[in-house]
PDB file of N, CA and C in Angstrom:
ATOM      1  N   UNK A   1     108.521 -11.736  87.073  1.00  0.00           N
ATOM      2  CA  UNK A   1     107.756 -10.863  86.144  1.00  0.00           C
ATOM      3  C   UNK A   1     106.665 -10.060  86.883  1.00  0.00           C
ATOM      4  N   UNK A   2     106.502  -8.862  86.716  1.00  0.00           N
ATOM      5  CA  UNK A   2     105.404  -8.010  87.376  1.00  0.00           C
ATOM      6  C   UNK A   2     104.099  -8.080  86.731  1.00  0.00           C
ATOM      7  N   UNK A   3     103.062  -8.117  87.410  1.00  0.00           N
ATOM      8  CA  UNK A   3     101.741  -8.316  86.814  1.00  0.00           C
ATOM      9  C   UNK A   3     101.308  -7.051  86.152  1.00  0.00           C
ATOM     10  N   UNK A   4     100.548  -7.132  85.127  1.00  0.00           N
ATOM     11  CA  UNK A   4      99.962  -6.039  84.477  1.00  0.00           C
ATOM     12  C   UNK A   4      98.629  -5.840  85.111  1.00  0.00           C
ATOM     13  N   UNK A   5      98.144  -4.570  85.300  1.00  0.00           N
ATOM     14  CA  UNK A   5      96.944  -4.398  85.918  1.00  0.00           C
ATOM     15  C   UNK A   5      95.889  -3.900  84.771  1.00  0.00           C
ATOM     16  N   UNK A   6      95.001  -4.867  84.406  1.00  0.00           N
ATOM     17  CA  UNK A   6      94.165  -4.501  83.242  1.00  0.00           C
ATOM     18  C   UNK A   6      92.808  -4.362  83.814  1.00  0.00           C
ATOM     19  N   UNK A   7      92.031  -3.440  83.127  1.00  0.00           N
ATOM     20  CA  UNK A   7      90.563  -3.349  83.412  1.00  0.00           C
ATOM     21  C   UNK A   7      89.782  -4.362  82.740  1.00  0.00           C
ATOM     22  N   UNK A   8      88.481  -4.561  83.204  1.00  0.00           N
ATOM     23  CA  UNK A   8      87.715  -5.637  82.708  1.00  0.00           C
ATOM     24  C   UNK A   8      87.361  -5.498  81.141  1.00  0.00           C
ATOM     25  N   UNK A   9      87.340  -4.423  80.569  1.00  0.00           N
ATOM     26  CA  UNK A   9      87.121  -4.257  79.297  1.00  0.00           C
ATOM     27  C   UNK A   9      88.285  -4.974  78.421  1.00  0.00           C
ATOM     28  N   UNK A  10      89.468  -4.872  78.938  1.00  0.00           N
ATOM     29  CA  UNK A  10      90.660  -5.756  78.324  1.00  0.00           C
ATOM     30  C   UNK A  10      90.615  -6.913  78.500  1.00  0.00           C
ATOM     31  N   UNK A  11      90.023  -7.478  79.683  1.00  0.00           N
ATOM     32  CA  UNK A  11      89.771  -8.813  79.932  1.00  0.00           C
ATOM     33  C   UNK A  11      88.824  -9.361  79.062  1.00  0.00           C
ATOM     34  N   UNK A  12      87.765  -8.666  78.628  1.00  0.00           N
ATOM     35  CA  UNK A  12      86.825  -9.355  77.589  1.00  0.00           C
ATOM     36  C   UNK A  12      87.340  -9.398  76.330  1.00  0.00           C
ATOM     37  N   UNK A  13      88.164  -8.229  75.908  1.00  0.00           N
ATOM     38  CA  UNK A  13      88.619  -8.191  74.660  1.00  0.00           C
ATOM     39  C   UNK A  13      89.839  -9.399  74.395  1.00  0.00           C
ATOM     40  N   UNK A  14      90.549  -9.692  75.248  1.00  0.00           N
ATOM     41  CA  UNK A  14      91.658 -10.538  75.138  1.00  0.00           C
ATOM     42  C   UNK A  14      91.325 -12.045  75.744  1.00  0.00           C
ATOM     43  N   UNK A  15      90.079 -12.074  76.183  1.00  0.00           N
ATOM     44  CA  UNK A  15      89.505 -13.447  76.629  1.00  0.00           C
ATOM     45  C   UNK A  15      90.418 -13.908  77.832  1.00  0.00           C
ATOM     46  N   UNK A  16      90.879 -13.288  78.762  1.00  0.00           N
ATOM     47  CA  UNK A  16      91.648 -13.669  79.745  1.00  0.00           C
ATOM     48  C   UNK A  16      90.700 -14.406  80.829  1.00  0.00           C
ATOM     49  N   UNK A  17      91.121 -15.697  81.252  1.00  0.00           N
ATOM     50  CA  UNK A  17      90.362 -16.499  82.187  1.00  0.00           C
ATOM     51  C   UNK A  17      90.408 -15.775  83.508  1.00  0.00           C
ATOM     52  N   UNK A  18      89.365 -15.421  84.160  1.00  0.00           N
ATOM     53  CA  UNK A  18      89.144 -14.916  85.518  1.00  0.00           C
ATOM     54  C   UNK A  18      89.038 -15.782  86.545  1.00  0.00           C
ATOM     55  N   UNK A  19      88.639 -16.954  86.375  1.00  0.00           N
ATOM     56  CA  UNK A  19      88.501 -17.990  87.344  1.00  0.00           C
ATOM     57  C   UNK A  19      89.267 -19.012  87.188  1.00  0.00           C
ATOM     58  N   UNK A  20      89.540 -19.740  88.468  1.00  0.00           N
ATOM     59  CA  UNK A  20      90.273 -21.106  88.370  1.00  0.00           C
ATOM     60  C   UNK A  20      89.243 -22.219  88.461  1.00  0.00           C
ATOM     61  N   UNK A  21      89.724 -23.372  88.632  1.00  0.00           N
ATOM     62  CA  UNK A  21      88.934 -24.733  88.632  1.00  0.00           C
ATOM     63  C   UNK A  21      87.897 -24.550  89.864  1.00  0.00           C
ATOM     64  N   UNK A  22      88.180 -23.813  90.853  1.00  0.00           N
ATOM     65  CA  UNK A  22      87.129 -23.734  91.997  1.00  0.00           C
ATOM     66  C   UNK A  22      86.331 -22.563  91.807  1.00  0.00           C
ATOM     67  N   UNK A  23      86.253 -21.885  90.662  1.00  0.00           N
ATOM     68  CA  UNK A  23      85.463 -20.739  90.425  1.00  0.00           C
ATOM     69  C   UNK A  23      85.848 -19.558  91.351  1.00  0.00           C
ATOM     70  N   UNK A  24      87.026 -19.577  91.887  1.00  0.00           N
ATOM     71  CA  UNK A  24      87.671 -18.450  92.490  1.00  0.00           C
ATOM     72  C   UNK A  24      88.398 -17.507  91.622  1.00  0.00           C
ATOM     73  N   UNK A  25      88.690 -16.323  92.081  1.00  0.00           N
ATOM     74  CA  UNK A  25      89.462 -15.269  91.346  1.00  0.00           C
ATOM     75  C   UNK A  25      90.918 -15.869  91.029  1.00  0.00           C
ATOM     76  N   UNK A  26      91.231 -15.936  89.736  1.00  0.00           N
ATOM     77  CA  UNK A  26      92.562 -16.410  89.276  1.00  0.00           C
ATOM     78  C   UNK A  26      93.618 -15.439  89.323  1.00  0.00           C
ATOM     79  N   UNK A  27      93.263 -14.098  89.652  1.00  0.00           N
ATOM     80  CA  UNK A  27      94.222 -12.992  89.607  1.00  0.00           C
ATOM     81  C   UNK A  27      93.857 -12.145  90.815  1.00  0.00           C
ATOM     82  N   UNK A  28      94.992 -11.397  91.237  1.00  0.00           N
ATOM     83  CA  UNK A  28      94.702 -10.371  92.164  1.00  0.00           C
ATOM     84  C   UNK A  28      93.734  -9.379  91.692  1.00  0.00           C
ATOM     85  N   UNK A  29      93.013  -8.744  92.669  1.00  0.00           N
ATOM     86  CA  UNK A  29      92.024  -7.739  92.302  1.00  0.00           C
ATOM     87  C   UNK A  29      92.466  -6.402  92.893  1.00  0.00           C
ATOM     88  N   UNK A  30      92.447  -5.328  91.951  1.00  0.00           N
ATOM     89  CA  UNK A  30      93.093  -4.001  92.423  1.00  0.00           C
ATOM     90  C   UNK A  30      92.147  -2.925  92.277  1.00  0.00           C
ATOM     91  N   UNK A  31      92.361  -1.788  92.932  1.00  0.00           N
ATOM     92  CA  UNK A  31      91.544  -0.652  92.728  1.00  0.00           C
ATOM     93  C   UNK A  31      91.769  -0.021  91.500  1.00  0.00           C
ATOM     94  N   UNK A  32      90.644   0.270  90.613  1.00  0.00           N
ATOM     95  CA  UNK A  32      90.924   0.755  89.419  1.00  0.00           C
ATOM     96  C   UNK A  32      91.781   2.112  89.184  1.00  0.00           C
ATOM     97  N   UNK A  33      91.506   3.012  90.263  1.00  0.00           N
ATOM     98  CA  UNK A  33      92.171   4.286  90.335  1.00  0.00           C
ATOM     99  C   UNK A  33      93.638   4.308  90.805  1.00  0.00           C
ATOM    100  N   UNK A  34      93.941   3.905  92.163  1.00  0.00           N
ATOM    101  CA  UNK A  34      95.274   4.032  92.601  1.00  0.00           C
ATOM    102  C   UNK A  34      96.038   2.595  92.506  1.00  0.00           C
ATOM    103  N   UNK A  35      95.356   1.649  92.082  1.00  0.00           N
ATOM    104  CA  UNK A  35      95.966   0.245  91.761  1.00  0.00           C
ATOM    105  C   UNK A  35      96.355  -0.449  93.020  1.00  0.00           C
ATOM    106  N   UNK A  36      95.755  -0.022  94.297  1.00  0.00           N
ATOM    107  CA  UNK A  36      96.102  -0.742  95.413  1.00  0.00           C
ATOM    108  C   UNK A  36      95.450  -2.131  95.526  1.00  0.00           C
ATOM    109  N   UNK A  37      95.977  -3.019  96.193  1.00  0.00           N
ATOM    110  CA  UNK A  37      95.469  -4.429  96.231  1.00  0.00           C
ATOM    111  C   UNK A  37      94.204  -4.565  97.095  1.00  0.00           C
ATOM    112  N   UNK A  38      93.043  -5.014  96.524  1.00  0.00           N
ATOM    113  CA  UNK A  38      91.778  -5.242  97.230  1.00  0.00           C
ATOM    114  C   UNK A  38      91.608  -6.641  97.810  1.00  0.00           C
ATOM    115  N   UNK A  39      91.809  -7.508  96.726  1.00  0.00           N
ATOM    116  CA  UNK A  39      91.631  -9.024  97.178  1.00  0.00           C
ATOM    117  C   UNK A  39      92.882  -9.739  96.547  1.00  0.00           C
ATOM    118  N   UNK A  40      93.315 -10.741  97.284  1.00  0.00           N
ATOM    119  CA  UNK A  40      94.440 -11.559  96.804  1.00  0.00           C
ATOM    120  C   UNK A  40      93.718 -12.664  95.895  1.00  0.00           C
ATOM    121  N   UNK A  41      94.604 -13.172  94.986  1.00  0.00           N
ATOM    122  CA  UNK A  41      94.168 -14.297  94.135  1.00  0.00           C
ATOM    123  C   UNK A  41      93.605 -15.505  94.994  1.00  0.00           C
ATOM    124  N   UNK A  42      92.492 -16.056  94.473  1.00  0.00           N
ATOM    125  CA  UNK A  42      91.940 -17.289  95.083  1.00  0.00           C
ATOM    126  C   UNK A  42      91.036 -17.140  96.298  1.00  0.00           C
ATOM    127  N   UNK A  43      90.695 -15.913  96.786  1.00  0.00           N
ATOM    128  CA  UNK A  43      89.885 -15.759  98.001  1.00  0.00           C
ATOM    129  C   UNK A  43      88.518 -15.539  97.722  1.00  0.00           C
ATOM    130  N   UNK A  44      88.018 -14.981  96.506  1.00  0.00           N
ATOM    131  CA  UNK A  44      86.846 -14.594  96.165  1.00  0.00           C
ATOM    132  C   UNK A  44      86.109 -15.543  95.075  1.00  0.00           C
ATOM    133  N   UNK A  45      84.814 -15.691  95.197  1.00  0.00           N
ATOM    134  CA  UNK A  45      84.126 -16.653  94.294  1.00  0.00           C
ATOM    135  C   UNK A  45      83.256 -15.820  93.488  1.00  0.00           C
ATOM    136  N   UNK A  46      83.294 -16.180  92.297  1.00  0.00           N
ATOM    137  CA  UNK A  46      82.579 -15.527  91.067  1.00  0.00           C
ATOM    138  C   UNK A  46      80.961 -15.785  91.256  1.00  0.00           C
ATOM    139  N   UNK A  47      80.175 -14.856  91.356  1.00  0.00           N
ATOM    140  CA  UNK A  47      78.634 -14.915  91.535  1.00  0.00           C
ATOM    141  C   UNK A  47      77.886 -13.942  90.562  1.00  0.00           C
ATOM    142  N   UNK A  48      76.597 -14.379  90.388  1.00  0.00           N
ATOM    143  CA  UNK A  48      75.812 -13.430  89.589  1.00  0.00           C
ATOM    144  C   UNK A  48      75.445 -12.283  90.167  1.00  0.00           C
ATOM    145  N   UNK A  49      75.438 -11.094  89.362  1.00  0.00           N
ATOM    146  CA  UNK A  49      74.983  -9.870  89.960  1.00  0.00           C
ATOM    147  C   UNK A  49      73.483  -9.842  90.405  1.00  0.00           C
ATOM    148  N   UNK A  50      73.294  -9.244  91.493  1.00  0.00           N
ATOM    149  CA  UNK A  50      71.769  -9.109  92.099  1.00  0.00           C
ATOM    150  C   UNK A  50      71.258  -7.815  91.466  1.00  0.00           C
ATOM    151  N   UNK A  51      70.285  -8.017  90.464  1.00  0.00           N
ATOM    152  CA  UNK A  51      69.851  -6.769  89.728  1.00  0.00           C
ATOM    153  C   UNK A  51      69.119  -5.866  90.528  1.00  0.00           C
ATOM    154  N   UNK A  52      68.863  -6.159  91.830  1.00  0.00           N
ATOM    155  CA  UNK A  52      68.146  -5.251  92.589  1.00  0.00           C
ATOM    156  C   UNK A  52      69.112  -4.095  93.242  1.00  0.00           C
ATOM    157  N   UNK A  53      70.418  -4.400  93.108  1.00  0.00           N
ATOM    158  CA  UNK A  53      71.313  -3.476  93.666  1.00  0.00           C
ATOM    159  C   UNK A  53      71.958  -2.528  92.585  1.00  0.00           C
ATOM    160  N   UNK A  54      71.838  -1.359  92.686  1.00  0.00           N
ATOM    161  CA  UNK A  54      72.532  -0.527  91.751  1.00  0.00           C
ATOM    162  C   UNK A  54      73.560   0.258  92.554  1.00  0.00           C
ATOM    163  N   UNK A  55      74.938   0.342  92.067  1.00  0.00           N
ATOM    164  CA  UNK A  55      75.955   1.004  92.678  1.00  0.00           C
ATOM    165  C   UNK A  55      75.782   2.541  92.350  1.00  0.00           C
ATOM    166  N   UNK A  56      75.958   3.431  93.191  1.00  0.00           N
ATOM    167  CA  UNK A  56      76.023   4.830  92.812  1.00  0.00           C
ATOM    168  C   UNK A  56      77.017   5.198  91.865  1.00  0.00           C
ATOM    169  N   UNK A  57      76.817   6.293  91.084  1.00  0.00           N
ATOM    170  CA  UNK A  57      77.769   6.803  90.113  1.00  0.00           C
ATOM    171  C   UNK A  57      78.201   5.861  89.238  1.00  0.00           C
ATOM    172  N   UNK A  58      77.401   4.944  88.664  1.00  0.00           N
ATOM    173  CA  UNK A  58      77.920   3.896  87.813  1.00  0.00           C
ATOM    174  C   UNK A  58      77.864   4.442  86.511  1.00  0.00           C
ATOM    175  N   UNK A  59      78.960   4.469  85.741  1.00  0.00           N
ATOM    176  CA  UNK A  59      79.313   5.089  84.637  1.00  0.00           C
ATOM    177  C   UNK A  59      78.765   4.294  83.330  1.00  0.00           C
ATOM    178  N   UNK A  60      78.635   2.880  83.501  1.00  0.00           N
ATOM    179  CA  UNK A  60      78.115   2.103  82.401  1.00  0.00           C
ATOM    180  C   UNK A  60      76.565   2.077  82.332  1.00  0.00           C
ATOM    181  N   UNK A  61      75.978   1.855  81.294  1.00  0.00           N
ATOM    182  CA  UNK A  61      74.625   1.683  80.989  1.00  0.00           C
ATOM    183  C   UNK A  61      74.113   0.369  81.351  1.00  0.00           C
ATOM    184  N   UNK A  62      74.980  -0.488  81.605  1.00  0.00           N
ATOM    185  CA  UNK A  62      74.611  -2.082  81.946  1.00  0.00           C
ATOM    186  C   UNK A  62      75.054  -2.464  83.406  1.00  0.00           C
ATOM    187  N   UNK A  63      74.469  -3.464  83.846  1.00  0.00           N
ATOM    188  CA  UNK A  63      74.713  -3.848  85.225  1.00  0.00           C
ATOM    189  C   UNK A  63      75.971  -4.604  85.122  1.00  0.00           C
ATOM    190  N   UNK A  64      76.757  -4.667  86.291  1.00  0.00           N
ATOM    191  CA  UNK A  64      78.007  -5.427  86.275  1.00  0.00           C
ATOM    192  C   UNK A  64      77.744  -6.992  85.878  1.00  0.00           C
ATOM    193  N   UNK A  65      78.661  -7.498  84.913  1.00  0.00           N
ATOM    194  CA  UNK A  65      78.330  -8.817  84.529  1.00  0.00           C
ATOM    195  C   UNK A  65      78.383  -9.901  85.593  1.00  0.00           C
ATOM    196  N   UNK A  66      79.072  -9.554  86.708  1.00  0.00           N
ATOM    197  CA  UNK A  66      79.123 -10.599  87.895  1.00  0.00           C
ATOM    198  C   UNK A  66      79.744  -9.916  88.998  1.00  0.00           C
ATOM    199  N   UNK A  67      79.860 -10.477  90.160  1.00  0.00           N
ATOM    200  CA  UNK A  67      80.483  -9.994  91.430  1.00  0.00           C
ATOM    201  C   UNK A  67      81.392 -11.002  91.883  1.00  0.00           C
ATOM    202  N   UNK A  68      82.392 -10.572  92.658  1.00  0.00           N
ATOM    203  CA  UNK A  68      83.283 -11.333  93.452  1.00  0.00           C
ATOM    204  C   UNK A  68      82.731 -11.397  94.824  1.00  0.00           C
ATOM    205  N   UNK A  69      82.583 -12.459  95.364  1.00  0.00           N
ATOM    206  CA  UNK A  69      82.029 -12.684  96.795  1.00  0.00           C
ATOM    207  C   UNK A  69      83.053 -13.216  97.777  1.00  0.00           C
ATOM    208  N   UNK A  70      83.032 -12.799  98.945  1.00  0.00           N
ATOM    209  CA  UNK A  70      83.923 -13.153 100.075  1.00  0.00           C
ATOM    210  C   UNK A  70      82.956 -13.287 101.265  1.00  0.00           C
ATOM    211  N   UNK A  71      83.190 -14.343 102.026  1.00  0.00           N
ATOM    212  CA  UNK A  71      82.351 -14.516 103.169  1.00  0.00           C
ATOM    213  C   UNK A  71      82.436 -13.605 104.416  1.00  0.00           C
ATOM    214  N   UNK A  72      83.628 -12.994 104.571  1.00  0.00           N
ATOM    215  CA  UNK A  72      83.763 -11.993 105.685  1.00  0.00           C
ATOM    216  C   UNK A  72      84.681 -10.770 105.210  1.00  0.00           C
ATOM    217  N   UNK A  73      84.654  -9.726 105.954  1.00  0.00           N
ATOM    218  CA  UNK A  73      85.367  -8.431 105.547  1.00  0.00           C
ATOM    219  C   UNK A  73      86.893  -8.834 105.736  1.00  0.00           C
ATOM    220  N   UNK A  74      87.329  -9.770 106.536  1.00  0.00           N
ATOM    221  CA  UNK A  74      88.667 -10.104 106.715  1.00  0.00           C
ATOM    222  C   UNK A  74      89.363 -10.699 105.554  1.00  0.00           C
ATOM    223  N   UNK A  75      88.638 -11.010 104.526  1.00  0.00           N
ATOM    224  CA  UNK A  75      89.157 -11.575 103.286  1.00  0.00           C
ATOM    225  C   UNK A  75      89.953 -10.336 102.347  1.00  0.00           C
ATOM    226  N   UNK A  76      89.512  -9.170 102.785  1.00  0.00           N
ATOM    227  CA  UNK A  76      89.991  -7.951 101.949  1.00  0.00           C
ATOM    228  C   UNK A  76      91.322  -7.588 102.359  1.00  0.00           C
ATOM    229  N   UNK A  77      92.158  -7.105 101.512  1.00  0.00           N
ATOM    230  CA  UNK A  77      93.501  -6.568 101.856  1.00  0.00           C
ATOM    231  C   UNK A  77      93.304  -5.112 102.083  1.00  0.00           C
ATOM    232  N   UNK A  78      92.473  -4.493 101.520  1.00  0.00           N
ATOM    233  CA  UNK A  78      92.241  -3.038 101.471  1.00  0.00           C
ATOM    234  C   UNK A  78      90.889  -2.565 100.980  1.00  0.00           C
ATOM    235  N   UNK A  79      90.043  -2.173 101.857  1.00  0.00           N
ATOM    236  CA  UNK A  79      88.679  -1.825 101.624  1.00  0.00           C
ATOM    237  C   UNK A  79      88.096  -0.942 102.585  1.00  0.00           C
ATOM    238  N   UNK A  80      87.359   0.041 102.087  1.00  0.00           N
ATOM    239  CA  UNK A  80      86.711   1.030 103.070  1.00  0.00           C
ATOM    240  C   UNK A  80      85.144   0.944 103.034  1.00  0.00           C
ATOM    241  N   UNK A  81      84.381   1.226 103.967  1.00  0.00           N
ATOM    242  CA  UNK A  81      82.982   0.947 104.070  1.00  0.00           C
ATOM    243  C   UNK A  81      82.273   2.360 104.232  1.00  0.00           C
ATOM    244  N   UNK A  82      81.195   2.429 103.669  1.00  0.00           N
ATOM    245  CA  UNK A  82      80.350   3.672 103.792  1.00  0.00           C
ATOM    246  C   UNK A  82      79.341   3.516 104.872  1.00  0.00           C
ATOM    247  N   UNK A  83      78.689   4.491 105.337  1.00  0.00           N
ATOM    248  CA  UNK A  83      77.708   4.394 106.322  1.00  0.00           C
ATOM    249  C   UNK A  83      76.488   3.517 105.570  1.00  0.00           C
ATOM    250  N   UNK A  84      75.711   2.974 106.449  1.00  0.00           N
ATOM    251  CA  UNK A  84      74.657   2.008 105.811  1.00  0.00           C
ATOM    252  C   UNK A  84      73.488   2.938 105.169  1.00  0.00           C
ATOM    253  N   UNK A  85      73.121   2.408 103.899  1.00  0.00           N
ATOM    254  CA  UNK A  85      71.958   2.967 103.125  1.00  0.00           C
ATOM    255  C   UNK A  85      71.076   1.874 102.831  1.00  0.00           C
ATOM    256  N   UNK A  86      69.923   1.955 103.372  1.00  0.00           N
ATOM    257  CA  UNK A  86      68.943   0.928 103.045  1.00  0.00           C
ATOM    258  C   UNK A  86      69.511  -0.594 103.450  1.00  0.00           C
ATOM    259  N   UNK A  87      70.201  -0.682 104.431  1.00  0.00           N
ATOM    260  CA  UNK A  87      70.707  -1.947 104.927  1.00  0.00           C
ATOM    261  C   UNK A  87      71.956  -2.369 104.229  1.00  0.00           C
ATOM    262  N   UNK A  88      72.500  -1.635 103.379  1.00  0.00           N
ATOM    263  CA  UNK A  88      73.807  -1.853 102.685  1.00  0.00           C
ATOM    264  C   UNK A  88      74.870  -0.925 102.865  1.00  0.00           C
ATOM    265  N   UNK A  89      76.070  -1.314 102.898  1.00  0.00           N
ATOM    266  CA  UNK A  89      77.152  -0.309 103.022  1.00  0.00           C
ATOM    267  C   UNK A  89      77.984  -0.604 101.545  1.00  0.00           C
ATOM    268  N   UNK A  90      78.218   0.511 100.972  1.00  0.00           N
ATOM    269  CA  UNK A  90      78.977   0.706  99.646  1.00  0.00           C
ATOM    270  C   UNK A  90      80.539   0.428 100.052  1.00  0.00           C
ATOM    271  N   UNK A  91      81.270  -0.306  99.085  1.00  0.00           N
ATOM    272  CA  UNK A  91      82.681  -0.514  99.383  1.00  0.00           C
ATOM    273  C   UNK A  91      83.498   0.470  98.497  1.00  0.00           C
ATOM    274  N   UNK A  92      84.555   0.929  99.064  1.00  0.00           N
ATOM    275  CA  UNK A  92      85.416   1.698  98.185  1.00  0.00           C
ATOM    276  C   UNK A  92      86.946   1.321  98.615  1.00  0.00           C
ATOM    277  N   UNK A  93      87.904   1.840  97.707  1.00  0.00           N
ATOM    278  CA  UNK A  93      89.260   1.622  98.055  1.00  0.00           C
ATOM    279  C   UNK A  93      89.610   2.512  99.326  1.00  0.00           C
ATOM    280  N   UNK A  94      90.290   1.822 100.325  1.00  0.00           N
ATOM    281  CA  UNK A  94      90.713   2.466 101.597  1.00  0.00           C
ATOM    282  C   UNK A  94      91.728   3.483 101.321  1.00  0.00           C
ATOM    283  N   UNK A  95      92.575   3.370 100.283  1.00  0.00           N
ATOM    284  CA  UNK A  95      93.672   4.151 100.144  1.00  0.00           C
ATOM    285  C   UNK A  95      93.350   5.512  99.435  1.00  0.00           C
ATOM    286  N   UNK A  96      92.602   5.335  98.372  1.00  0.00           N
ATOM    287  CA  UNK A  96      92.209   6.595  97.364  1.00  0.00           C
ATOM    288  C   UNK A  96      90.698   6.959  97.597  1.00  0.00           C
ATOM    289  N   UNK A  97      89.777   6.149  98.337  1.00  0.00           N
ATOM    290  CA  UNK A  97      88.400   6.320  98.412  1.00  0.00           C
ATOM    291  C   UNK A  97      87.821   6.231  97.047  1.00  0.00           C
ATOM    292  N   UNK A  98      88.400   5.659  96.167  1.00  0.00           N
ATOM    293  CA  UNK A  98      87.799   5.449  94.657  1.00  0.00           C
ATOM    294  C   UNK A  98      86.725   4.454  94.904  1.00  0.00           C
ATOM    295  N   UNK A  99      85.539   4.687  94.159  1.00  0.00           N
ATOM    296  CA  UNK A  99      84.460   3.713  94.147  1.00  0.00           C
ATOM    297  C   UNK A  99      83.246   4.406  94.032  1.00  0.00           C
ATOM    298  N   UNK A 100      82.254   3.682  94.381  1.00  0.00           N
ATOM    299  CA  UNK A 100      82.204   2.415  94.979  1.00  0.00           C
ATOM    300  C   UNK A 100      82.440   1.327  94.018  1.00  0.00           C
ATOM    301  N   UNK A 101      83.254   0.272  94.507  1.00  0.00           N
ATOM    302  CA  UNK A 101      83.670  -1.001  93.801  1.00  0.00           C
ATOM    303  C   UNK A 101      82.654  -2.008  94.154  1.00  0.00           C
ATOM    304  N   UNK A 102      81.800  -2.000  95.049  1.00  0.00           N
ATOM    305  CA  UNK A 102      81.086  -3.052  95.545  1.00  0.00           C
ATOM    306  C   UNK A 102      80.039  -2.715  96.639  1.00  0.00           C
ATOM    307  N   UNK A 103      79.555  -3.756  97.394  1.00  0.00           N
ATOM    308  CA  UNK A 103      78.675  -3.402  98.600  1.00  0.00           C
ATOM    309  C   UNK A 103      78.707  -4.531  99.503  1.00  0.00           C
ATOM    310  N   UNK A 104      78.172  -4.217 100.735  1.00  0.00           N
ATOM    311  CA  UNK A 104      78.068  -5.304 101.644  1.00  0.00           C
ATOM    312  C   UNK A 104      76.814  -5.173 102.384  1.00  0.00           C
ATOM    313  N   UNK A 105      76.114  -6.300 102.865  1.00  0.00           N
ATOM    314  CA  UNK A 105      74.873  -6.284 103.360  1.00  0.00           C
ATOM    315  C   UNK A 105      74.401  -7.582 103.755  1.00  0.00           C
ATOM    316  N   UNK A 106      73.978  -7.694 105.041  1.00  0.00           N
ATOM    317  CA  UNK A 106      73.460  -9.049 105.652  1.00  0.00           C
ATOM    318  C   UNK A 106      74.471 -10.266 105.348  1.00  0.00           C
ATOM    319  N   UNK A 107      75.625 -10.046 105.798  1.00  0.00           N
ATOM    320  CA  UNK A 107      76.715 -11.033 105.579  1.00  0.00           C
ATOM    321  C   UNK A 107      77.247 -11.308 104.272  1.00  0.00           C
ATOM    322  N   UNK A 108      77.028 -10.467 103.303  1.00  0.00           N
ATOM    323  CA  UNK A 108      77.466 -10.482 102.031  1.00  0.00           C
ATOM    324  C   UNK A 108      78.383  -9.381 101.656  1.00  0.00           C
ATOM    325  N   UNK A 109      79.523  -9.717 101.066  1.00  0.00           N
ATOM    326  CA  UNK A 109      80.603  -8.779 100.620  1.00  0.00           C
ATOM    327  C   UNK A 109      80.811  -8.998  99.214  1.00  0.00           C
ATOM    328  N   UNK A 110      80.421  -8.053  98.363  1.00  0.00           N
ATOM    329  CA  UNK A 110      80.572  -8.273  96.871  1.00  0.00           C
ATOM    330  C   UNK A 110      81.306  -7.106  96.192  1.00  0.00           C
ATOM    331  N   UNK A 111      82.195  -7.424  95.296  1.00  0.00           N
ATOM    332  CA  UNK A 111      82.897  -6.502  94.463  1.00  0.00           C
ATOM    333  C   UNK A 111      82.431  -6.679  93.008  1.00  0.00           C
ATOM    334  N   UNK A 112      82.045  -5.531  92.453  1.00  0.00           N
ATOM    335  CA  UNK A 112      81.648  -5.597  90.965  1.00  0.00           C
ATOM    336  C   UNK A 112      82.727  -5.924  90.183  1.00  0.00           C
ATOM    337  N   UNK A 113      82.634  -7.032  89.221  1.00  0.00           N
ATOM    338  CA  UNK A 113      83.656  -7.472  88.389  1.00  0.00           C
ATOM    339  C   UNK A 113      84.109  -6.637  87.450  1.00  0.00           C
ATOM    340  N   UNK A 114      83.377  -5.581  87.010  1.00  0.00           N
ATOM    341  CA  UNK A 114      83.890  -4.630  86.045  1.00  0.00           C
ATOM    342  C   UNK A 114      84.195  -3.296  86.648  1.00  0.00           C
ATOM    343  N   UNK A 115      84.383  -3.136  87.930  1.00  0.00           N
ATOM    344  CA  UNK A 115      84.880  -2.065  88.558  1.00  0.00           C
ATOM    345  C   UNK A 115      86.151  -2.015  89.098  1.00  0.00           C
ATOM    346  N   UNK A 116      86.958  -2.965  88.791  1.00  0.00           N
ATOM    347  CA  UNK A 116      88.234  -3.371  89.381  1.00  0.00           C
ATOM    348  C   UNK A 116      89.090  -3.641  88.270  1.00  0.00           C
ATOM    349  N   UNK A 117      90.469  -3.642  88.467  1.00  0.00           N
ATOM    350  CA  UNK A 117      91.536  -4.107  87.617  1.00  0.00           C
ATOM    351  C   UNK A 117      92.108  -5.444  88.132  1.00  0.00           C
ATOM    352  N   UNK A 118      92.616  -6.234  87.145  1.00  0.00           N
ATOM    353  CA  UNK A 118      93.019  -7.451  87.452  1.00  0.00           C
ATOM    354  C   UNK A 118      94.544  -7.654  87.107  1.00  0.00           C
ATOM    355  N   UNK A 119      95.317  -8.162  88.200  1.00  0.00           N
ATOM    356  CA  UNK A 119      96.710  -8.432  88.054  1.00  0.00           C
ATOM    357  C   UNK A 119      96.958  -9.697  87.281  1.00  0.00           C
ATOM    358  N   UNK A 120      97.242  -9.557  86.005  1.00  0.00           N
ATOM    359  CA  UNK A 120      97.567 -10.729  85.068  1.00  0.00           C
ATOM    360  C   UNK A 120      98.985 -10.691  84.673  1.00  0.00           C
ATOM    361  N   UNK A 121      99.316 -11.810  84.198  1.00  0.00           N
ATOM    362  CA  UNK A 121     100.728 -11.947  83.567  1.00  0.00           C
ATOM    363  C   UNK A 121     101.872 -12.314  84.455  1.00  0.00           C
ATOM    364  N   UNK A 122     101.503 -12.985  85.575  1.00  0.00           N
ATOM    365  CA  UNK A 122     102.530 -13.523  86.545  1.00  0.00           C
ATOM    366  C   UNK A 122     103.206 -14.711  85.954  1.00  0.00           C
TER     367      UNK A 122
END
């Protein structure tokens, strides 16, 4: 069965569980624009959003509810990095350059939980 790629708003409305018992992502994480795979299931940990970080062009009036964290850039399947801005690099889809979907800085690699799609229904 092929996975449906659903946005965070649908996840909220349908109460889909995003984490497994280990607090890791229970579903593959995809680019919201081109649907390219960004992170495979089980490689990222859900963490609270750092309120001091604002992602550019954020269309929502609220901060991301949480982030997905990975320890190294090698955990990504597909991600692009911007030039450093105030010690941080913004993350975007490497295929379509959509984003930013997250940021990296000082050994931290984070994807905003509401800026991606989730592969559910496997």
